[in-house]
Structures are given as structure tokens and as C-alpha cells.
Amino acid sequence: MLVIPLIFSALALGVAGLGNLRHLGRIGLKTLVYTVAMSAIAVLLGVFFVNTLMPGSGISDDVKARLLAGAAERSAGLPSTTTAPRTGIDLFIQIIPDNPFARLPMAICWQ
């Protein structure tokens, strides 16, 4: 879900940075086609291998129950928000943590 917006924004910013679309020419078209083709191949390979190998399908019921119980336990500790942000700025402010260094493991902070 992140690949398509990242590639699109990178290509759009690159084209916008040129200023004049005539400078883009054939090499720009070839680059665009190459990028879209490689992205499509990567997505198709990912979908193919996930559907073929089915990761996680061999997990026993006991392990699956323990994983679900652990996930439920961790999610119970998360704060719940009852109101949605009113504006885009409110959403942006809620995304940014008050102290970004508090989210990092201590080993990373003190190196």
C-alpha cells in the first residue's frame, strides 16, 4: 500500500522539477514505462509468492492461539481514541509524537 504512492509522488516531483515538459522527451517516457513495469512485476511476484507459499498456514492451533492472545493483550494496553480528528492539521499533530526519542529503544538513543 505504500509502494504506489511513493513511486507516483517521486515521479510527479521529478517531472515537476524539470519545469518544462519538453525537456522530458523520450528518455522520460522510457523511464516512466520502465518504472511502472518494474513496479507491476514486483507486485505480481509478491502476490504470486504469497498465494503460492501461504506463509503462516502451517502454524499449529496452539501457536496461533498464543499469538492471538499476545496480540489481544498488547492491544488492550493501547490508549483508545473515541473522537476522530476534526481537520487535517489535527490529524497531522496527532501523528507526530510529543517526544520522538521516547519511541526509540534506549540502545539506539545512547549510541
N, C-alpha and C. Protein backbone atom coordinates (compact mmCIF):
# COMPACT_ATOMS: atom_id res chain seq x y z
N MET A 1 0.82 -1.19 0.00
CA MET A 1 0.00 0.00 0.00
C MET A 1 0.86 1.25 0.00
N LEU A 2 2.12 1.12 0.29
CA LEU A 2 3.00 2.28 0.30
C LEU A 2 3.76 2.47 -1.00
N VAL A 3 3.92 1.42 -1.76
CA VAL A 3 4.77 1.48 -2.95
C VAL A 3 4.19 2.42 -4.00
N ILE A 4 2.92 2.27 -4.31
CA ILE A 4 2.31 3.05 -5.39
C ILE A 4 2.36 4.56 -5.08
N PRO A 5 1.93 5.02 -3.90
CA PRO A 5 2.02 6.46 -3.64
C PRO A 5 3.45 6.99 -3.64
N LEU A 6 4.39 6.19 -3.14
CA LEU A 6 5.78 6.65 -3.13
C LEU A 6 6.34 6.80 -4.54
N ILE A 7 6.08 5.83 -5.38
CA ILE A 7 6.58 5.90 -6.76
C ILE A 7 5.89 7.04 -7.50
N PHE A 8 4.57 7.16 -7.33
CA PHE A 8 3.86 8.23 -8.02
C PHE A 8 4.36 9.60 -7.59
N SER A 9 4.54 9.79 -6.29
CA SER A 9 5.00 11.10 -5.82
C SER A 9 6.43 11.38 -6.26
N ALA A 10 7.28 10.35 -6.28
CA ALA A 10 8.65 10.56 -6.75
C ALA A 10 8.67 10.95 -8.23
N LEU A 11 7.87 10.27 -9.03
CA LEU A 11 7.82 10.61 -10.45
C LEU A 11 7.21 12.00 -10.68
N ALA A 12 6.14 12.31 -9.95
CA ALA A 12 5.50 13.61 -10.11
C ALA A 12 6.43 14.74 -9.70
N LEU A 13 7.15 14.57 -8.60
CA LEU A 13 8.10 15.61 -8.17
C LEU A 13 9.26 15.73 -9.14
N GLY A 14 9.70 14.63 -9.69
CA GLY A 14 10.78 14.67 -10.68
C GLY A 14 10.38 15.42 -11.94
N VAL A 15 9.17 15.15 -12.42
CA VAL A 15 8.68 15.84 -13.62
C VAL A 15 8.43 17.31 -13.31
N ALA A 16 7.89 17.60 -12.15
CA ALA A 16 7.63 19.00 -11.78
C ALA A 16 8.93 19.77 -11.62
N GLY A 17 9.99 19.09 -11.19
CA GLY A 17 11.28 19.76 -11.03
C GLY A 17 11.92 20.14 -12.35
N LEU A 18 11.53 19.49 -13.42
CA LEU A 18 12.07 19.84 -14.74
C LEU A 18 11.57 21.19 -15.22
N GLY A 19 10.36 21.54 -14.82
CA GLY A 19 9.78 22.81 -15.25
C GLY A 19 9.14 22.72 -16.62
N ASN A 20 9.90 22.43 -17.64
CA ASN A 20 9.39 22.35 -19.00
C ASN A 20 9.27 20.88 -19.39
N LEU A 21 8.08 20.46 -19.78
CA LEU A 21 7.86 19.06 -20.13
C LEU A 21 8.57 18.65 -21.42
N ARG A 22 8.97 19.61 -22.22
CA ARG A 22 9.68 19.27 -23.47
C ARG A 22 11.06 18.71 -23.18
N HIS A 23 11.63 19.05 -22.02
CA HIS A 23 12.94 18.52 -21.64
C HIS A 23 12.85 17.04 -21.28
N LEU A 24 11.65 16.60 -20.94
CA LEU A 24 11.45 15.22 -20.53
C LEU A 24 11.70 14.27 -21.70
N GLY A 25 11.09 14.52 -22.82
CA GLY A 25 11.34 13.79 -24.06
C GLY A 25 11.16 12.29 -23.97
N ARG A 26 11.87 11.58 -24.86
CA ARG A 26 11.73 10.14 -24.97
C ARG A 26 12.33 9.42 -23.77
N ILE A 27 13.42 9.94 -23.22
CA ILE A 27 14.05 9.26 -22.09
C ILE A 27 13.13 9.29 -20.87
N GLY A 28 12.37 10.37 -20.73
CA GLY A 28 11.42 10.45 -19.63
C GLY A 28 10.30 9.45 -19.79
N LEU A 29 9.81 9.29 -21.01
CA LEU A 29 8.76 8.32 -21.28
C LEU A 29 9.27 6.90 -21.04
N LYS A 30 10.49 6.62 -21.49
CA LYS A 30 11.08 5.30 -21.27
C LYS A 30 11.27 5.03 -19.77
N THR A 31 11.69 6.05 -19.03
CA THR A 31 11.87 5.90 -17.59
C THR A 31 10.55 5.63 -16.90
N LEU A 32 9.52 6.35 -17.30
CA LEU A 32 8.20 6.16 -16.72
C LEU A 32 7.68 4.75 -17.00
N VAL A 33 7.80 4.29 -18.24
CA VAL A 33 7.34 2.96 -18.60
C VAL A 33 8.15 1.90 -17.85
N TYR A 34 9.46 2.09 -17.75
CA TYR A 34 10.31 1.14 -17.03
C TYR A 34 9.92 1.05 -15.55
N THR A 35 9.70 2.20 -14.93
CA THR A 35 9.34 2.23 -13.51
C THR A 35 8.00 1.56 -13.27
N VAL A 36 7.02 1.86 -14.09
CA VAL A 36 5.70 1.25 -13.93
C VAL A 36 5.77 -0.25 -14.18
N ALA A 37 6.53 -0.67 -15.18
CA ALA A 37 6.65 -2.10 -15.49
C ALA A 37 7.35 -2.85 -14.36
N MET A 38 8.44 -2.31 -13.84
CA MET A 38 9.15 -2.97 -12.75
C MET A 38 8.31 -3.02 -11.47
N SER A 39 7.56 -1.97 -11.21
CA SER A 39 6.68 -1.97 -10.04
C SER A 39 5.57 -3.01 -10.19
N ALA A 40 5.01 -3.12 -11.39
CA ALA A 40 3.97 -4.11 -11.63
C ALA A 40 4.52 -5.52 -11.49
N ILE A 41 5.72 -5.76 -11.98
CA ILE A 41 6.34 -7.08 -11.86
C ILE A 41 6.60 -7.40 -10.39
N ALA A 42 7.07 -6.42 -9.61
CA ALA A 42 7.33 -6.64 -8.18
C ALA A 42 6.04 -6.97 -7.44
N VAL A 43 4.97 -6.24 -7.74
CA VAL A 43 3.69 -6.50 -7.08
C VAL A 43 3.16 -7.88 -7.46
N LEU A 44 3.23 -8.22 -8.74
CA LEU A 44 2.75 -9.53 -9.19
C LEU A 44 3.55 -10.68 -8.59
N LEU A 45 4.88 -10.50 -8.48
CA LEU A 45 5.70 -11.53 -7.85
C LEU A 45 5.33 -11.69 -6.38
N GLY A 46 5.13 -10.58 -5.69
CA GLY A 46 4.75 -10.64 -4.29
C GLY A 46 3.43 -11.35 -4.10
N VAL A 47 2.43 -11.01 -4.90
CA VAL A 47 1.12 -11.65 -4.79
C VAL A 47 1.22 -13.14 -5.14
N PHE A 48 1.98 -13.45 -6.17
CA PHE A 48 2.15 -14.85 -6.57
C PHE A 48 2.76 -15.69 -5.46
N PHE A 49 3.87 -15.20 -4.87
CA PHE A 49 4.55 -15.97 -3.83
C PHE A 49 3.73 -16.07 -2.55
N VAL A 50 3.00 -15.04 -2.20
CA VAL A 50 2.15 -15.13 -1.01
C VAL A 50 1.05 -16.15 -1.23
N ASN A 51 0.45 -16.15 -2.40
CA ASN A 51 -0.62 -17.12 -2.68
C ASN A 51 -0.08 -18.54 -2.87
N THR A 52 1.14 -18.67 -3.35
CA THR A 52 1.72 -19.99 -3.57
C THR A 52 2.26 -20.58 -2.27
N LEU A 53 3.07 -19.83 -1.54
CA LEU A 53 3.72 -20.34 -0.34
C LEU A 53 2.83 -20.29 0.89
N MET A 54 1.85 -19.39 0.90
CA MET A 54 0.92 -19.21 2.01
C MET A 54 1.65 -19.17 3.36
N PRO A 55 2.44 -18.13 3.60
CA PRO A 55 3.17 -18.06 4.87
C PRO A 55 2.21 -18.02 6.05
N GLY A 56 2.54 -18.78 7.08
CA GLY A 56 1.72 -18.83 8.27
C GLY A 56 0.65 -19.89 8.25
N SER A 57 0.45 -20.57 7.12
CA SER A 57 -0.61 -21.58 7.06
C SER A 57 -0.24 -22.85 7.82
N GLY A 58 1.04 -23.09 8.05
CA GLY A 58 1.46 -24.29 8.75
C GLY A 58 1.54 -24.13 10.25
N ILE A 59 1.10 -23.01 10.78
CA ILE A 59 1.16 -22.78 12.22
C ILE A 59 0.12 -23.65 12.92
N SER A 60 0.54 -24.28 14.00
CA SER A 60 -0.40 -25.12 14.74
C SER A 60 -1.43 -24.25 15.46
N ASP A 61 -2.54 -24.88 15.84
CA ASP A 61 -3.62 -24.14 16.51
C ASP A 61 -3.17 -23.59 17.86
N ASP A 62 -2.28 -24.32 18.56
CA ASP A 62 -1.78 -23.86 19.85
C ASP A 62 -0.97 -22.58 19.69
N VAL A 63 -0.06 -22.57 18.72
CA VAL A 63 0.77 -21.39 18.48
C VAL A 63 -0.10 -20.23 18.01
N LYS A 64 -1.06 -20.51 17.16
CA LYS A 64 -1.97 -19.47 16.67
C LYS A 64 -2.76 -18.84 17.82
N ALA A 65 -3.22 -19.66 18.75
CA ALA A 65 -3.97 -19.15 19.90
C ALA A 65 -3.08 -18.30 20.80
N ARG A 66 -1.83 -18.73 21.01
CA ARG A 66 -0.91 -17.93 21.82
C ARG A 66 -0.60 -16.59 21.16
N LEU A 67 -0.40 -16.59 19.85
CA LEU A 67 -0.14 -15.34 19.13
C LEU A 67 -1.33 -14.38 19.22
N LEU A 68 -2.53 -14.92 19.05
CA LEU A 68 -3.73 -14.08 19.14
C LEU A 68 -3.92 -13.54 20.55
N ALA A 69 -3.64 -14.38 21.56
CA ALA A 69 -3.77 -13.92 22.94
C ALA A 69 -2.75 -12.83 23.25
N GLY A 70 -1.53 -12.99 22.77
CA GLY A 70 -0.50 -11.97 22.97
C GLY A 70 -0.85 -10.67 22.28
N ALA A 71 -1.40 -10.75 21.08
CA ALA A 71 -1.79 -9.55 20.35
C ALA A 71 -2.94 -8.85 21.06
N ALA A 72 -3.89 -9.63 21.57
CA ALA A 72 -5.01 -9.03 22.30
C ALA A 72 -4.53 -8.36 23.58
N GLU A 73 -3.56 -8.97 24.25
CA GLU A 73 -3.02 -8.40 25.48
C GLU A 73 -2.30 -7.08 25.21
N ARG A 74 -1.51 -7.05 24.14
CA ARG A 74 -0.79 -5.82 23.79
C ARG A 74 -1.74 -4.73 23.32
N SER A 75 -2.78 -5.10 22.58
CA SER A 75 -3.71 -4.08 22.09
C SER A 75 -4.58 -3.53 23.21
N ALA A 76 -4.78 -4.31 24.29
CA ALA A 76 -5.57 -3.81 25.42
C ALA A 76 -4.84 -2.69 26.14
N GLY A 77 -3.53 -2.68 26.06
CA GLY A 77 -2.74 -1.64 26.72
C GLY A 77 -2.66 -0.35 25.94
N LEU A 78 -3.11 -0.34 24.70
CA LEU A 78 -3.05 0.87 23.89
C LEU A 78 -4.18 1.82 24.27
N PRO A 79 -3.88 3.11 24.26
CA PRO A 79 -4.96 4.06 24.56
C PRO A 79 -5.97 4.09 23.41
N SER A 80 -7.23 4.20 23.75
CA SER A 80 -8.25 4.25 22.71
C SER A 80 -8.71 5.69 22.53
N THR A 81 -8.92 6.06 21.29
CA THR A 81 -9.42 7.40 20.99
C THR A 81 -10.87 7.26 20.56
N THR A 82 -11.70 8.09 21.14
CA THR A 82 -13.12 7.99 20.83
C THR A 82 -13.55 9.02 19.80
N THR A 83 -12.79 10.10 19.67
CA THR A 83 -13.16 11.14 18.71
C THR A 83 -12.16 11.17 17.58
N ALA A 84 -12.65 11.36 16.40
CA ALA A 84 -11.79 11.47 15.22
C ALA A 84 -11.28 12.91 15.12
N PRO A 85 -10.11 13.11 14.53
CA PRO A 85 -9.61 14.47 14.34
C PRO A 85 -10.56 15.27 13.46
N ARG A 86 -10.68 16.53 13.77
CA ARG A 86 -11.64 17.37 13.03
C ARG A 86 -11.08 17.88 11.71
N THR A 87 -9.80 18.20 11.69
CA THR A 87 -9.21 18.76 10.47
C THR A 87 -7.95 17.97 10.12
N GLY A 88 -7.41 18.26 8.97
CA GLY A 88 -6.17 17.64 8.55
C GLY A 88 -5.01 18.02 9.44
N ILE A 89 -5.02 19.25 9.94
CA ILE A 89 -3.95 19.70 10.83
C ILE A 89 -4.01 18.94 12.15
N ASP A 90 -5.23 18.70 12.67
CA ASP A 90 -5.37 17.92 13.90
C ASP A 90 -4.82 16.50 13.71
N LEU A 91 -5.10 15.90 12.56
CA LEU A 91 -4.59 14.56 12.27
C LEU A 91 -3.07 14.59 12.21
N PHE A 92 -2.50 15.59 11.57
CA PHE A 92 -1.05 15.71 11.45
C PHE A 92 -0.41 15.88 12.82
N ILE A 93 -1.02 16.67 13.68
CA ILE A 93 -0.49 16.88 15.03
C ILE A 93 -0.57 15.60 15.84
N GLN A 94 -1.63 14.81 15.66
CA GLN A 94 -1.75 13.56 16.40
C GLN A 94 -0.78 12.50 15.91
N ILE A 95 -0.37 12.56 14.65
CA ILE A 95 0.58 11.58 14.11
C ILE A 95 1.95 11.78 14.73
N ILE A 96 2.37 13.02 14.92
CA ILE A 96 3.70 13.32 15.44
C ILE A 96 3.69 13.11 16.95
N PRO A 97 4.59 12.27 17.48
CA PRO A 97 4.62 12.07 18.92
C PRO A 97 5.15 13.30 19.65
N ASP A 98 4.78 13.44 20.92
CA ASP A 98 5.25 14.57 21.71
C ASP A 98 6.77 14.54 21.85
N ASN A 99 7.32 13.36 22.09
CA ASN A 99 8.76 13.18 22.22
C ASN A 99 9.18 12.03 21.32
N PRO A 100 9.72 12.33 20.12
CA PRO A 100 10.07 11.26 19.19
C PRO A 100 11.13 10.31 19.74
N PHE A 101 12.01 10.79 20.64
CA PHE A 101 13.06 9.94 21.18
C PHE A 101 12.52 8.95 22.20
N ALA A 102 11.36 9.20 22.75
CA ALA A 102 10.76 8.26 23.70
C ALA A 102 10.29 7.00 22.99
N ARG A 103 10.05 7.05 21.69
CA ARG A 103 9.59 5.90 20.93
C ARG A 103 10.73 4.97 20.53
N LEU A 104 11.98 5.47 20.58
CA LEU A 104 13.12 4.67 20.17
C LEU A 104 13.60 3.79 21.30
N PRO A 105 14.13 2.60 20.98
CA PRO A 105 14.74 1.78 22.03
C PRO A 105 15.94 2.51 22.62
N MET A 106 16.20 2.28 23.87
CA MET A 106 17.27 3.00 24.56
C MET A 106 18.64 2.73 23.95
N ALA A 107 18.84 1.54 23.40
CA ALA A 107 20.14 1.21 22.80
C ALA A 107 20.44 2.10 21.62
N ILE A 108 19.41 2.49 20.88
CA ILE A 108 19.63 3.35 19.72
C ILE A 108 19.89 4.79 20.17
N CYS A 109 19.21 5.23 21.19
CA CYS A 109 19.33 6.62 21.66
C CYS A 109 20.71 6.93 22.21
N TRP A 110 21.36 5.96 22.85
CA TRP A 110 22.60 6.25 23.55
C TRP A 110 23.83 5.82 22.79
N GLN A 111 23.73 5.48 21.54
CA GLN A 111 24.91 5.07 20.78
C GLN A 111 25.58 6.25 20.17
